[in-house]
Amino acid sequence: MYAAAPNRNDDVNYRQCGRSGLKLSPISLGLWQNFGGTDCFEAGRAIIRRAFDRGITHFDLANNYGPPYGSAEENFGSILKKDFGHHRDEMVISSKAGWDMWPGPYGSGGSRKHLLASLDQSLRRMRLDYVDIFYSHRPTTDVPLEETVGALVQMVRQGKALYVGISSYGPERTREAERILRAEGVPLLIHQPSYSMLNRWIEDGLLDTLGALGVGCIAFSPLAQGLLTSKYLNGIPDDARAAKAGSFDTRLLTEDNLSRVRALDAIAKRRGQSLAQMAIAWTLRDPRITSALIGARTIAQLDDSLDSLNNLEFSPEDLQEIDHHATEGGIDLWRSVSKEA
């Protein structure tokens, strides 16, 4: 039987999500990889237990996380029932819809049909009455923004989502979505963009927009899908994501990118951190970033990432040296959907 660590929240500096009343753990756990039906259930269960014991309160999913699609939510629902029945109100659970999920014209996109059906499916898979946050997973230019946002409003009014967010929206569409939501009396809680030392697109307008609007920001892929770790410094290990067909584009492992990573790794060593720890800490350096969203394949990986919170301070000299190497690496797989229509 699982018994949660009694001191799990004692040393965590939870961060205010924009101007809302919600606080999030500075590191959140995403179930995009490693928690699906093709993965070891007990390994995923152990990681989630460890995350909760170390103060992570936010667990982030989407309808199509797996593989196969939906299986991460199904597994998470089983883990909730087995281990967290008495802890639901201590957790922030989020899901999303917008990318492909089922066949036919209604299986993806930003339509009311897709979003509302997706939420109902996610609730059934996770055995929940509501999610804390539901996101429009991507902007879709073939659907009026009023329709997408209207579906988010309906979820809140139905009590099936406490808060709503958006993911990968550019600055202008973010402002418009926030305006429509505000007119309906539903605040835009949070934006989930990709962000890392090799993918800094949100610094060009989006962070300023979120700060001005009072919207929180949770950065996904702060480790650049594993590039900002030590695993690729000497080639591709057999057990890395890059060695698995379809889960990582090996074209991202350019010599330019690897030279940047090696230089950043040297800086991290001087700071007494692993490269992954420095990459997460760097993401959190901006107070407009509410949380860094990480994945984990093992408890050791999770612990290494969480230990980044032991050293969040950067000197001006650190930041200047990092900026020299932390430049665009062509790794933003979502750039095309984030551009303004």
Protein backbone atom coordinates (compact mmCIF):
# COMPACT_ATOMS: atom_id res chain seq x y z
CA MET A 1 0.00 0.00 0.00
CA TYR A 2 1.28 3.47 -0.93
CA ALA A 3 1.59 6.01 1.87
CA ALA A 4 2.51 9.50 0.70
CA ALA A 5 5.53 11.16 2.31
CA PRO A 6 4.23 13.35 5.16
CA ASN A 7 6.73 16.15 4.44
CA ARG A 8 6.15 16.19 0.68
CA ASN A 9 5.25 19.88 0.47
CA ASP A 10 7.52 21.30 3.14
CA ASP A 11 10.42 22.61 1.03
CA VAL A 12 8.65 23.40 -2.25
CA ASN A 13 8.28 27.03 -3.32
CA TYR A 14 5.01 26.79 -5.21
CA ARG A 15 4.54 29.50 -7.82
CA GLN A 16 1.49 31.66 -8.47
CA CYS A 17 0.01 30.93 -11.89
CA GLY A 18 -0.28 34.38 -13.41
CA ARG A 19 -2.77 36.51 -11.49
CA SER A 20 -4.95 33.52 -10.57
CA GLY A 21 -5.38 31.98 -7.15
CA LEU A 22 -3.78 28.72 -8.30
CA LYS A 23 -0.23 27.78 -7.41
CA LEU A 24 1.76 25.13 -9.28
CA SER A 25 4.84 23.19 -8.36
CA PRO A 26 7.89 24.72 -10.08
CA ILE A 27 8.40 21.39 -11.83
CA SER A 28 5.42 19.47 -13.20
CA LEU A 29 5.36 15.91 -14.52
CA GLY A 30 4.19 15.28 -18.06
CA LEU A 31 3.01 11.87 -19.23
CA TRP A 32 3.69 12.36 -22.95
CA GLN A 33 6.21 9.51 -23.06
CA ASN A 34 6.91 6.47 -20.84
CA PHE A 35 3.45 6.06 -19.31
CA GLY A 36 1.48 4.44 -22.15
CA GLY A 37 0.25 0.95 -22.85
CA THR A 38 3.56 -0.16 -24.37
CA ASP A 39 5.48 0.91 -21.24
CA CYS A 40 5.87 -0.84 -17.89
CA PHE A 41 2.87 0.10 -15.75
CA GLU A 42 4.66 -0.41 -12.44
CA ALA A 43 7.62 1.72 -13.55
CA GLY A 44 5.30 4.59 -14.41
CA ARG A 45 3.41 4.11 -11.17
CA ALA A 46 6.64 4.31 -9.17
CA ILE A 47 7.66 7.53 -10.95
CA ILE A 48 4.30 9.17 -10.20
CA ARG A 49 4.50 8.13 -6.56
CA ARG A 50 8.03 9.53 -6.27
CA ALA A 51 7.00 12.78 -7.97
CA PHE A 52 4.15 13.29 -5.50
CA ASP A 53 6.41 12.46 -2.57
CA ARG A 54 8.82 15.16 -3.72
CA GLY A 55 6.22 17.88 -3.96
CA ILE A 56 5.02 17.69 -7.56
CA THR A 57 1.32 18.44 -7.53
CA HIS A 58 0.69 19.00 -11.24
CA PHE A 59 0.37 16.03 -13.61
CA ASP A 60 -0.08 16.87 -17.28
CA LEU A 61 -1.71 14.62 -19.88
CA ALA A 62 -3.45 14.80 -23.25
CA ASN A 63 -6.03 12.62 -24.96
CA ASN A 64 -3.51 11.11 -27.39
CA TYR A 65 -0.63 10.44 -25.00
CA GLY A 66 0.56 6.86 -25.07
CA PRO A 67 1.23 4.97 -27.21
CA PRO A 68 -1.36 3.82 -28.04
CA TYR A 69 -3.54 6.92 -27.95
CA GLY A 70 -5.46 7.25 -24.69
CA SER A 71 -3.40 4.70 -22.79
CA ALA A 72 -1.48 7.23 -20.67
CA GLU A 73 -4.79 8.55 -19.34
CA GLU A 74 -6.06 5.01 -18.76
CA ASN A 75 -2.93 4.07 -16.82
CA PHE A 76 -3.00 7.31 -14.88
CA GLY A 77 -6.64 6.67 -13.96
CA SER A 78 -5.69 3.25 -12.62
CA ILE A 79 -2.84 4.74 -10.59
CA LEU A 80 -5.15 7.41 -9.19
CA LYS A 81 -7.59 4.75 -8.05
CA LYS A 82 -4.92 2.50 -6.57
CA ASP A 83 -2.76 5.11 -4.84
CA PHE A 84 -4.26 8.57 -4.74
CA GLY A 85 -7.90 8.19 -3.78
CA HIS A 86 -7.39 10.37 -0.71
CA HIS A 87 -5.13 12.88 -2.46
CA ARG A 88 -7.23 14.05 -5.44
CA ASP A 89 -7.72 17.51 -3.95
CA GLU A 90 -3.95 17.88 -3.52
CA MET A 91 -3.39 17.37 -7.25
CA VAL A 92 -3.73 19.50 -10.35
CA ILE A 93 -4.55 17.22 -13.28
CA SER A 94 -4.65 18.58 -16.80
CA SER A 95 -5.53 17.22 -20.22
CA LYS A 96 -5.71 18.58 -23.75
CA ALA A 97 -7.19 18.00 -27.18
CA GLY A 98 -6.49 19.26 -30.67
CA TRP A 99 -3.99 16.90 -32.24
CA ASP A 100 -5.09 13.69 -33.97
CA MET A 101 -6.94 11.23 -31.77
CA TRP A 102 -9.52 9.18 -33.75
CA PRO A 103 -10.32 8.73 -37.46
CA GLY A 104 -12.59 10.99 -39.45
CA PRO A 105 -13.20 14.74 -39.63
CA TYR A 106 -13.96 15.16 -35.90
CA GLY A 107 -10.92 13.36 -34.50
CA SER A 108 -8.65 16.42 -34.32
CA GLY A 109 -8.69 20.19 -34.46
CA GLY A 110 -10.35 22.98 -32.54
CA SER A 111 -14.03 22.40 -33.21
CA ARG A 112 -16.60 22.31 -30.41
CA LYS A 113 -17.39 18.74 -31.52
CA HIS A 114 -13.79 17.55 -31.10
CA LEU A 115 -12.98 19.39 -27.87
CA LEU A 116 -16.11 18.48 -25.92
CA ALA A 117 -16.06 14.84 -27.03
CA SER A 118 -12.37 14.64 -26.17
CA LEU A 119 -12.89 15.96 -22.66
CA ASP A 120 -15.66 13.45 -21.98
CA GLN A 121 -13.45 10.62 -23.24
CA SER A 122 -10.52 11.79 -21.10
CA LEU A 123 -12.69 11.94 -17.99
CA ARG A 124 -13.86 8.37 -18.58
CA ARG A 125 -10.32 7.10 -19.11
CA MET A 126 -9.03 8.78 -15.95
CA ARG A 127 -12.19 7.99 -13.94
CA LEU A 128 -12.59 11.63 -12.96
CA ASP A 129 -15.54 13.96 -12.62
CA TYR A 130 -13.46 16.96 -13.70
CA VAL A 131 -9.97 18.02 -14.69
CA ASP A 132 -8.30 21.00 -13.09
CA ILE A 133 -7.04 22.41 -16.41
CA PHE A 134 -8.14 21.65 -19.95
CA TYR A 135 -6.16 23.02 -22.89
CA SER A 136 -6.76 23.70 -26.51
CA HIS A 137 -3.67 21.74 -27.52
CA ARG A 138 -2.92 23.77 -30.63
CA PRO A 139 -4.30 26.68 -32.64
CA THR A 140 -6.28 25.68 -35.74
CA THR A 141 -6.77 28.29 -38.44
CA ASP A 142 -9.64 26.40 -40.10
CA VAL A 143 -11.87 26.81 -37.02
CA PRO A 144 -13.09 30.22 -35.78
CA LEU A 145 -11.34 31.08 -32.55
CA GLU A 146 -14.73 31.95 -31.07
CA GLU A 147 -15.80 28.32 -31.51
CA THR A 148 -12.69 26.87 -29.89
CA VAL A 149 -12.84 29.30 -27.00
CA GLY A 150 -16.60 28.78 -26.67
CA ALA A 151 -16.00 25.08 -26.11
CA LEU A 152 -13.54 25.90 -23.32
CA VAL A 153 -16.12 28.18 -21.72
CA GLN A 154 -18.73 25.43 -21.90
CA MET A 155 -16.43 23.00 -20.10
CA VAL A 156 -16.02 25.39 -17.19
CA ARG A 157 -19.74 26.10 -16.97
CA GLN A 158 -20.48 22.39 -17.00
CA GLY A 159 -18.07 21.88 -14.10
CA LYS A 160 -15.91 19.49 -16.12
CA ALA A 161 -12.86 21.80 -16.03
CA LEU A 162 -11.92 24.22 -13.28
CA TYR A 163 -9.56 26.26 -15.47
CA VAL A 164 -8.70 26.45 -19.16
CA GLY A 165 -5.51 27.04 -21.08
CA ILE A 166 -3.99 27.09 -24.54
CA SER A 167 -0.84 25.54 -25.98
CA SER A 168 1.49 26.67 -28.77
CA TYR A 169 -0.56 29.80 -29.60
CA GLY A 170 1.39 32.82 -30.85
CA PRO A 171 1.17 36.22 -29.11
CA GLU A 172 -1.62 37.74 -31.21
CA ARG A 173 -3.90 34.70 -31.08
CA THR A 174 -3.19 34.43 -27.35
CA ARG A 175 -4.39 37.99 -26.82
CA GLU A 176 -7.53 37.33 -28.83
CA ALA A 177 -8.31 34.08 -26.99
CA GLU A 178 -7.87 35.85 -23.66
CA ARG A 179 -10.18 38.67 -24.77
CA ILE A 180 -12.95 36.28 -25.82
CA LEU A 181 -12.64 34.27 -22.59
CA ARG A 182 -12.66 37.39 -20.44
CA ALA A 183 -15.82 38.62 -22.14
CA GLU A 184 -17.46 35.34 -21.11
CA GLY A 185 -16.27 35.69 -17.52
CA VAL A 186 -13.75 32.84 -17.79
CA PRO A 187 -10.09 33.78 -17.29
CA LEU A 188 -7.30 32.33 -19.39
CA LEU A 189 -5.29 30.59 -16.70
CA ILE A 190 -2.19 29.35 -18.49
CA HIS A 191 -0.29 28.93 -21.72
CA GLN A 192 1.84 25.86 -22.48
CA PRO A 193 4.57 26.59 -25.06
CA SER A 194 7.75 24.74 -25.93
CA TYR A 195 10.78 26.49 -24.44
CA SER A 196 14.40 25.63 -23.85
CA MET A 197 17.91 26.96 -24.26
CA LEU A 198 17.81 25.77 -27.89
CA ASN A 199 14.26 26.98 -28.55
CA ARG A 200 13.68 30.52 -27.28
CA TRP A 201 10.78 31.63 -29.48
CA ILE A 202 8.57 32.71 -26.58
CA GLU A 203 11.03 35.49 -25.71
CA ASP A 204 9.97 37.24 -28.92
CA GLY A 205 6.65 38.63 -27.71
CA LEU A 206 4.81 35.75 -26.06
CA LEU A 207 6.28 36.11 -22.57
CA ASP A 208 5.60 39.86 -22.64
CA THR A 209 2.03 39.13 -23.70
CA LEU A 210 1.48 36.61 -20.91
CA GLY A 211 3.00 38.97 -18.35
CA ALA A 212 0.76 41.83 -19.43
CA LEU A 213 -2.36 39.64 -19.40
CA GLY A 214 -1.56 37.98 -16.08
CA VAL A 215 -1.54 34.52 -17.64
CA GLY A 216 0.66 31.75 -16.28
CA CYS A 217 3.19 29.89 -18.41
CA ILE A 218 4.27 26.25 -18.17
CA ALA A 219 7.17 25.43 -20.48
CA PHE A 220 7.21 22.00 -22.09
CA SER A 221 10.31 20.29 -23.47
CA PRO A 222 12.77 22.33 -21.34
CA LEU A 223 15.36 19.61 -22.05
CA ALA A 224 14.81 19.92 -25.81
CA GLN A 225 13.54 16.32 -26.00
CA GLY A 226 16.67 15.08 -24.28
CA LEU A 227 19.23 17.11 -26.22
CA LEU A 228 19.97 19.20 -23.13
CA THR A 229 21.21 16.22 -21.18
CA SER A 230 24.49 14.37 -21.21
CA LYS A 231 23.11 11.37 -23.10
CA TYR A 232 24.02 12.53 -26.63
CA LEU A 233 27.46 14.02 -25.95
CA ASN A 234 29.18 10.88 -27.23
CA GLY A 235 26.71 9.58 -29.80
CA ILE A 236 23.30 7.93 -29.50
CA PRO A 237 22.98 5.33 -26.73
CA ASP A 238 20.93 2.24 -27.52
CA ASP A 239 18.25 3.03 -24.93
CA ALA A 240 17.80 6.71 -25.86
CA ARG A 241 14.66 8.08 -27.52
CA ALA A 242 16.71 8.96 -30.58
CA ALA A 243 17.40 5.27 -31.10
CA LYS A 244 13.68 4.47 -31.27
CA ALA A 245 12.08 4.97 -34.64
CA GLY A 246 9.42 7.67 -34.68
CA SER A 247 9.99 9.18 -31.22
CA PHE A 248 12.89 11.52 -31.99
CA ASP A 249 14.22 13.12 -35.17
CA THR A 250 17.91 12.27 -35.34
CA ARG A 251 18.35 15.17 -37.78
CA LEU A 252 18.27 17.39 -34.71
CA LEU A 253 21.62 15.90 -33.64
CA THR A 254 23.61 18.26 -35.85
CA GLU A 255 27.19 19.06 -35.06
CA ASP A 256 26.17 22.67 -34.42
CA ASN A 257 23.62 21.56 -31.84
CA LEU A 258 26.01 19.09 -30.24
CA SER A 259 28.75 21.73 -29.98
CA ARG A 260 26.28 24.03 -28.20
CA VAL A 261 25.28 21.22 -25.87
CA ARG A 262 28.89 20.37 -25.05
CA ALA A 263 29.64 24.02 -24.23
CA LEU A 264 26.55 24.28 -22.04
CA ASP A 265 27.49 21.03 -20.31
CA ALA A 266 30.86 22.56 -19.38
CA ILE A 267 29.08 25.56 -17.83
CA ALA A 268 26.78 23.26 -15.87
CA LYS A 269 29.74 21.32 -14.49
CA ARG A 270 31.31 24.54 -13.25
CA ARG A 271 28.02 25.35 -11.50
CA GLY A 272 28.00 21.93 -9.84
CA GLN A 273 24.94 20.79 -11.82
CA SER A 274 24.13 18.28 -14.47
CA LEU A 275 23.28 19.79 -17.84
CA ALA A 276 19.64 18.79 -17.38
CA GLN A 277 19.52 20.50 -13.99
CA MET A 278 20.95 23.72 -15.39
CA ALA A 279 18.58 23.63 -18.37
CA ILE A 280 15.54 23.37 -16.09
CA ALA A 281 16.85 26.01 -13.69
CA TRP A 282 17.52 28.35 -16.64
CA THR A 283 13.95 27.88 -17.85
CA LEU A 284 12.67 28.88 -14.41
CA ARG A 285 14.88 31.98 -14.15
CA ASP A 286 12.10 34.18 -15.54
CA PRO A 287 9.35 34.86 -12.96
CA ARG A 288 6.75 34.75 -15.74
CA ILE A 289 7.42 31.01 -16.08
CA THR A 290 5.18 29.27 -13.57
CA SER A 291 6.47 25.73 -14.01
CA ALA A 292 8.78 23.59 -16.13
CA LEU A 293 7.09 20.49 -17.54
CA ILE A 294 9.37 17.48 -17.59
CA GLY A 295 9.13 13.83 -18.49
CA ALA A 296 10.91 10.95 -16.80
CA ARG A 297 11.76 7.39 -17.82
CA THR A 298 13.19 6.37 -14.45
CA ILE A 299 13.09 7.55 -10.85
CA ALA A 300 16.75 8.49 -11.17
CA GLN A 301 15.93 10.81 -14.09
CA LEU A 302 13.09 12.35 -12.12
CA ASP A 303 15.29 12.93 -9.09
CA ASP A 304 18.02 14.48 -11.20
CA SER A 305 15.52 16.92 -12.70
CA LEU A 306 13.98 17.80 -9.33
CA ASP A 307 17.42 18.45 -7.88
CA SER A 308 17.69 21.40 -10.28
CA LEU A 309 15.65 23.29 -7.66
CA ASN A 310 18.68 23.19 -5.36
CA ASN A 311 20.45 25.80 -7.49
CA LEU A 312 18.21 28.27 -9.30
CA GLU A 313 20.50 31.28 -9.06
CA PHE A 314 22.45 32.58 -12.05
CA SER A 315 25.03 35.33 -11.95
CA PRO A 316 25.05 37.91 -14.76
CA GLU A 317 28.26 36.27 -15.98
CA ASP A 318 26.56 32.85 -16.06
CA LEU A 319 23.68 34.18 -18.12
CA GLN A 320 25.95 36.01 -20.51
CA GLU A 321 28.02 32.89 -21.15
CA ILE A 322 24.93 30.72 -21.52
CA ASP A 323 23.40 33.21 -23.97
CA HIS A 324 26.46 32.80 -26.20
CA HIS A 325 25.64 29.11 -26.67
CA ALA A 326 21.88 29.01 -26.01
CA THR A 327 20.83 29.88 -29.53
CA GLU A 328 18.24 28.61 -31.97
CA GLY A 329 18.79 24.93 -32.69
CA GLY A 330 15.98 24.27 -35.18
CA ILE A 331 14.38 21.82 -32.76
CA ASP A 332 10.96 23.43 -32.31
CA LEU A 333 8.72 20.81 -33.90
CA TRP A 334 5.68 22.98 -33.14
CA ARG A 335 6.92 26.23 -34.70
CA SER A 336 4.62 26.04 -37.71
CA VAL A 337 1.46 25.90 -35.58
CA SER A 338 2.65 28.70 -33.30
CA LYS A 339 3.02 31.22 -36.11
CA GLU A 340 0.26 33.75 -36.53
CA ALA A 341 -2.19 33.01 -39.33
